[in-house]
Amino acid sequence: MELLILLKAFLLGIVEGATEFLPVSSTGHLIIAGDLLDFNDARGKVFEIVIQLGAILAVCWEYRVRIAHTLGNVSEPASRRLIFNLALAFFPAALLGFLFHGAIKTYLFSPVTVAWALIVGGFAILLIERYAPVPDTESVDDMDWKHALKVGCAQCLALIPGVSRAGATILGGVVFRLSRRAATEFSFFLAIPIMFAATGYDVLKSWHDLSAADLPVFAVGFVTAFFSALLVVRGLLRYVSHHDFRVFAWYRIVFGSLALAYFTF
């Protein structure tokens, strides 16, 4: 039985790492996968929270040089601007998440809700790709506070499970005239504070559900999420340099439709 649980942890770690930074909703995939694998009890919910840390650390590792330079040279205008923009973009979702965390967990965390969000989000991506404006900002360093605030407001949509934090921030950035690369890179950086805050808050609230016996299961999921997320982060920037996001839109629509049919009927 323990081997089976470790296998579930491995699969869920792959799901988390592979979807966290793509516009397909990692939370939605974890809810659906956890239900299918029958790993959605109290321990499973805490597990899903903890393995997100693995995905966050993958971004920290990939951008360790940039992060170290920014934090170590706050006197530079570019460093101060990036820190300020991240803080500004962080605030809207952090505030709404703090105020409505309980209600969101109670009423929106269900496979059917996620399936609908995946489908609607897929059509939204198709519309954005069709009518996206010409970008006027090519890199993260060129962003001003108005770009950051708009992306931060767009991130609030990701409080709905299935919408996708990456999708809301990246596509929101595209709508607000960021280049695909700038929007994607800013989404990566913004994931660090928002996910650390959300994950830390959830872990503190669920601390009583953790035990030392769960350590091997959590470790497998954590490590798997880290390496699978690292591959995605490295590949996504190369992908967006030459492609749009329509493939993710159709994936969301098809996957969401199948999930909706499965959990409805």
Protein backbone atom coordinates (compact mmCIF):
# COMPACT_ATOMS: atom_id res chain seq x y z
CA MET A 1 0.00 0.00 0.00
CA GLU A 2 2.85 2.40 0.84
CA LEU A 3 4.34 1.83 -2.61
CA LEU A 4 1.00 2.77 -4.17
CA ILE A 5 0.89 6.01 -2.19
CA LEU A 6 4.44 6.85 -3.29
CA LEU A 7 3.42 6.25 -6.90
CA LYS A 8 0.47 8.61 -6.46
CA ALA A 9 2.82 11.20 -4.96
CA PHE A 10 5.16 10.82 -7.94
CA LEU A 11 2.32 11.27 -10.46
CA LEU A 12 0.87 14.27 -8.64
CA GLY A 13 4.33 15.82 -8.42
CA ILE A 14 4.66 15.56 -12.19
CA VAL A 15 1.20 17.08 -12.64
CA GLU A 16 2.06 20.02 -10.35
CA GLY A 17 5.45 20.74 -11.88
CA ALA A 18 4.26 20.33 -15.46
CA THR A 19 1.23 22.60 -15.11
CA GLU A 20 2.17 25.27 -12.53
CA PHE A 21 3.73 27.69 -15.02
CA LEU A 22 1.62 26.83 -18.07
CA PRO A 23 -1.71 28.57 -18.73
CA VAL A 24 -3.67 25.40 -17.95
CA SER A 25 -4.23 25.62 -14.14
CA SER A 26 -2.12 23.44 -11.88
CA THR A 27 -4.71 23.70 -9.09
CA GLY A 28 -7.41 22.47 -11.43
CA HIS A 29 -5.28 19.56 -12.58
CA LEU A 30 -4.38 18.62 -9.01
CA ILE A 31 -8.02 18.67 -7.92
CA ILE A 32 -9.04 16.44 -10.81
CA ALA A 33 -5.98 14.16 -10.57
CA GLY A 34 -6.35 13.88 -6.79
CA ASP A 35 -9.97 12.85 -7.21
CA LEU A 36 -9.13 10.29 -9.88
CA LEU A 37 -6.28 8.85 -7.78
CA ASP A 38 -8.43 8.88 -4.62
CA PHE A 39 -5.85 11.06 -2.91
CA ASN A 40 -8.09 13.95 -1.96
CA ASP A 41 -8.52 13.49 1.78
CA ALA A 42 -7.11 15.92 4.38
CA ARG A 43 -3.59 14.59 3.88
CA GLY A 44 -3.95 14.85 0.12
CA LYS A 45 -4.99 18.48 0.37
CA VAL A 46 -1.92 19.33 2.48
CA PHE A 47 0.25 17.33 0.07
CA GLU A 48 -0.97 19.45 -2.86
CA ILE A 49 0.00 22.58 -0.93
CA VAL A 50 3.47 21.35 0.00
CA ILE A 51 4.51 20.18 -3.46
CA GLN A 52 3.82 23.66 -4.81
CA LEU A 53 6.95 24.70 -2.93
CA GLY A 54 8.95 22.38 -5.16
CA ALA A 55 7.64 24.17 -8.24
CA ILE A 56 8.37 27.59 -6.72
CA LEU A 57 11.95 26.60 -5.91
CA ALA A 58 12.43 25.53 -9.53
CA VAL A 59 11.86 29.14 -10.60
CA CYS A 60 14.14 30.39 -7.83
CA TRP A 61 16.87 28.04 -9.04
CA GLU A 62 16.45 28.92 -12.71
CA TYR A 63 16.64 32.65 -11.96
CA ARG A 64 19.04 32.45 -9.03
CA VAL A 65 21.60 34.75 -10.68
CA ARG A 66 18.99 37.42 -11.53
CA ILE A 67 17.37 37.16 -8.08
CA ALA A 68 20.73 37.41 -6.30
CA HIS A 69 21.75 40.40 -8.42
CA THR A 70 18.44 42.18 -7.82
CA LEU A 71 18.47 41.66 -4.05
CA GLY A 72 22.17 42.44 -3.80
CA ASN A 73 22.00 45.64 -5.83
CA VAL A 74 18.83 47.38 -4.68
CA SER A 75 20.53 50.72 -5.27
CA GLU A 76 20.32 50.14 -9.03
CA PRO A 77 17.23 51.69 -10.69
CA ALA A 78 16.42 48.45 -12.58
CA SER A 79 16.52 46.39 -9.38
CA ARG A 80 14.37 48.86 -7.45
CA ARG A 81 11.87 49.04 -10.31
CA LEU A 82 11.54 45.24 -10.54
CA ILE A 83 11.07 44.88 -6.77
CA PHE A 84 8.49 47.67 -6.72
CA ASN A 85 6.61 46.22 -9.71
CA LEU A 86 6.49 42.76 -8.12
CA ALA A 87 5.26 44.18 -4.81
CA LEU A 88 2.58 46.18 -6.60
CA ALA A 89 1.44 43.21 -8.71
CA PHE A 90 1.47 40.96 -5.64
CA PHE A 91 -0.89 43.10 -3.57
CA PRO A 92 -4.34 42.74 -5.27
CA ALA A 93 -4.47 38.93 -5.30
CA ALA A 94 -2.84 38.69 -1.87
CA LEU A 95 -5.49 40.98 -0.37
CA LEU A 96 -8.45 39.23 -2.02
CA GLY A 97 -6.99 35.81 -1.24
CA PHE A 98 -6.63 36.73 2.44
CA LEU A 99 -10.18 38.08 2.65
CA PHE A 100 -11.94 35.32 0.73
CA HIS A 101 -9.65 32.30 1.24
CA GLY A 102 -12.20 30.34 3.27
CA ALA A 103 -15.09 30.96 0.90
CA ILE A 104 -13.01 30.04 -2.14
CA LYS A 105 -11.86 26.78 -0.54
CA THR A 106 -15.41 25.93 0.55
CA TYR A 107 -17.43 26.76 -2.55
CA LEU A 108 -15.11 26.70 -5.56
CA PHE A 109 -12.71 23.79 -5.01
CA SER A 110 -14.64 21.11 -6.89
CA PRO A 111 -13.90 19.17 -10.09
CA VAL A 112 -17.00 20.51 -11.85
CA THR A 113 -16.11 24.14 -11.09
CA VAL A 114 -12.57 23.51 -12.32
CA ALA A 115 -13.81 21.87 -15.52
CA TRP A 116 -16.00 24.86 -16.37
CA ALA A 117 -13.16 27.28 -15.59
CA LEU A 118 -10.83 25.33 -17.88
CA ILE A 119 -13.34 25.47 -20.75
CA VAL A 120 -14.21 29.15 -20.34
CA GLY A 121 -10.53 30.03 -19.93
CA GLY A 122 -9.69 28.18 -23.13
CA PHE A 123 -12.15 30.25 -25.15
CA ALA A 124 -10.84 33.40 -23.45
CA ILE A 125 -7.30 32.56 -24.61
CA LEU A 126 -8.55 32.09 -28.19
CA LEU A 127 -10.21 35.52 -28.09
CA ILE A 128 -7.09 37.15 -26.65
CA GLU A 129 -4.91 35.56 -29.31
CA ARG A 130 -7.23 36.81 -32.02
CA TYR A 131 -7.48 40.40 -30.80
CA ALA A 132 -4.23 40.89 -28.84
CA PRO A 133 -2.76 44.37 -29.31
CA VAL A 134 0.71 45.00 -30.63
CA PRO A 135 3.16 44.93 -27.68
CA ASP A 136 4.89 48.11 -26.64
CA THR A 137 7.11 46.61 -23.91
CA GLU A 138 9.66 43.98 -24.86
CA SER A 139 11.31 43.07 -21.54
CA VAL A 140 10.62 42.95 -17.81
CA ASP A 141 13.14 45.76 -17.29
CA ASP A 142 11.05 48.06 -19.49
CA MET A 143 7.82 47.58 -17.49
CA ASP A 144 6.38 50.51 -15.55
CA TRP A 145 4.13 50.47 -12.47
CA LYS A 146 0.97 50.63 -14.59
CA HIS A 147 1.86 47.38 -16.37
CA ALA A 148 2.58 45.73 -13.02
CA LEU A 149 -0.67 46.86 -11.43
CA LYS A 150 -2.73 45.68 -14.40
CA VAL A 151 -1.06 42.26 -14.38
CA GLY A 152 -1.63 42.09 -10.61
CA CYS A 153 -5.34 42.78 -11.09
CA ALA A 154 -5.50 40.12 -13.81
CA GLN A 155 -3.91 37.66 -11.38
CA CYS A 156 -6.97 38.00 -9.13
CA LEU A 157 -8.92 35.90 -11.63
CA ALA A 158 -6.66 32.98 -10.70
CA LEU A 159 -8.29 32.83 -7.26
CA ILE A 160 -10.97 30.83 -9.09
CA PRO A 161 -9.65 27.24 -9.30
CA GLY A 162 -9.14 26.24 -12.92
CA VAL A 163 -8.47 29.74 -14.24
CA SER A 164 -4.67 29.39 -13.92
CA ARG A 165 -2.39 31.90 -12.24
CA ALA A 166 0.11 31.59 -15.10
CA GLY A 167 -2.64 32.02 -17.67
CA ALA A 168 -4.13 35.07 -15.96
CA THR A 169 -0.77 36.83 -15.59
CA ILE A 170 0.77 35.88 -18.94
CA LEU A 171 -2.34 36.52 -21.05
CA GLY A 172 -3.16 39.55 -18.94
CA GLY A 173 0.28 40.87 -19.75
CA VAL A 174 -0.29 40.26 -23.45
CA VAL A 175 -3.60 42.17 -23.28
CA PHE A 176 -1.80 45.05 -21.59
CA ARG A 177 0.78 45.20 -24.41
CA LEU A 178 3.67 43.25 -22.94
CA SER A 179 5.59 41.00 -25.30
CA ARG A 180 4.98 37.29 -24.78
CA ARG A 181 8.47 36.84 -23.37
CA ALA A 182 8.15 39.80 -20.99
CA ALA A 183 4.72 38.65 -19.81
CA THR A 184 5.94 35.09 -19.28
CA GLU A 185 9.09 36.13 -17.43
CA PHE A 186 7.20 38.56 -15.19
CA SER A 187 4.73 35.76 -14.44
CA PHE A 188 7.64 33.58 -13.31
CA PHE A 189 9.00 36.28 -11.00
CA LEU A 190 5.54 37.12 -9.64
CA ALA A 191 4.95 33.45 -8.84
CA ILE A 192 7.68 33.54 -6.19
CA PRO A 193 6.10 35.94 -3.66
CA ILE A 194 2.46 35.05 -4.34
CA MET A 195 3.01 31.29 -4.15
CA PHE A 196 5.27 31.48 -1.12
CA ALA A 197 2.61 33.56 0.64
CA ALA A 198 -0.31 31.34 -0.37
CA THR A 199 1.53 28.09 0.32
CA GLY A 200 2.89 29.29 3.64
CA TYR A 201 -0.57 30.44 4.73
CA ASP A 202 -2.15 27.10 3.79
CA VAL A 203 0.61 25.08 5.48
CA LEU A 204 0.22 27.03 8.73
CA LYS A 205 -3.54 26.49 8.68
CA SER A 206 -3.15 22.76 7.94
CA TRP A 207 -0.18 22.09 10.24
CA HIS A 208 -2.25 19.77 12.45
CA ASP A 209 -2.79 17.41 9.48
CA LEU A 210 0.97 16.81 9.01
CA SER A 211 2.91 13.97 10.60
CA ALA A 212 6.45 12.59 10.38
CA ALA A 213 5.11 9.43 8.75
CA ASP A 214 4.09 11.48 5.71
CA LEU A 215 7.61 12.74 5.05
CA PRO A 216 8.57 10.14 2.36
CA VAL A 217 5.36 10.78 0.43
CA PHE A 218 5.76 14.53 0.61
CA ALA A 219 9.45 14.30 -0.34
CA VAL A 220 8.69 12.28 -3.48
CA GLY A 221 6.07 14.78 -4.62
CA PHE A 222 8.25 17.76 -3.74
CA VAL A 223 11.32 16.56 -5.66
CA THR A 224 9.25 15.43 -8.65
CA ALA A 225 7.46 18.79 -8.80
CA PHE A 226 10.80 20.62 -8.66
CA PHE A 227 12.39 18.82 -11.62
CA SER A 228 9.29 18.73 -13.80
CA ALA A 229 8.70 22.47 -13.16
CA LEU A 230 12.34 23.21 -13.99
CA LEU A 231 11.94 21.58 -17.40
CA VAL A 232 8.74 23.52 -18.08
CA VAL A 233 10.21 26.88 -17.05
CA ARG A 234 13.20 26.38 -19.34
CA GLY A 235 11.08 25.21 -22.24
CA LEU A 236 8.25 27.72 -22.01
CA LEU A 237 10.39 30.80 -22.67
CA ARG A 238 11.80 29.15 -25.79
CA TYR A 239 8.30 28.18 -26.88
CA VAL A 240 6.70 31.61 -26.50
CA SER A 241 9.46 33.21 -28.54
CA HIS A 242 8.09 31.51 -31.66
CA HIS A 243 4.52 30.37 -30.86
CA ASP A 244 1.25 31.67 -29.46
CA PHE A 245 -0.92 30.08 -26.75
CA ARG A 246 -3.68 28.58 -28.90
CA VAL A 247 -2.48 25.04 -28.28
CA PHE A 248 -3.03 25.56 -24.55
CA ALA A 249 -6.49 26.99 -25.23
CA TRP A 250 -7.58 23.90 -27.15
CA TYR A 251 -6.02 21.65 -24.53
CA ARG A 252 -8.05 23.41 -21.83
CA ILE A 253 -11.27 23.08 -23.81
CA VAL A 254 -10.80 19.39 -24.57
CA PHE A 255 -9.53 18.43 -21.10
CA GLY A 256 -12.17 20.53 -19.36
CA SER A 257 -14.95 18.99 -21.48
CA LEU A 258 -13.77 15.46 -20.73
CA ALA A 259 -13.49 16.24 -17.01
CA LEU A 260 -16.94 17.85 -16.99
CA ALA A 261 -18.47 14.81 -18.67
CA TYR A 262 -16.69 12.42 -16.29
CA PHE A 263 -17.65 14.18 -13.07
CA THR A 264 -21.18 15.01 -14.21
CA PHE A 265 -22.23 11.65 -15.58
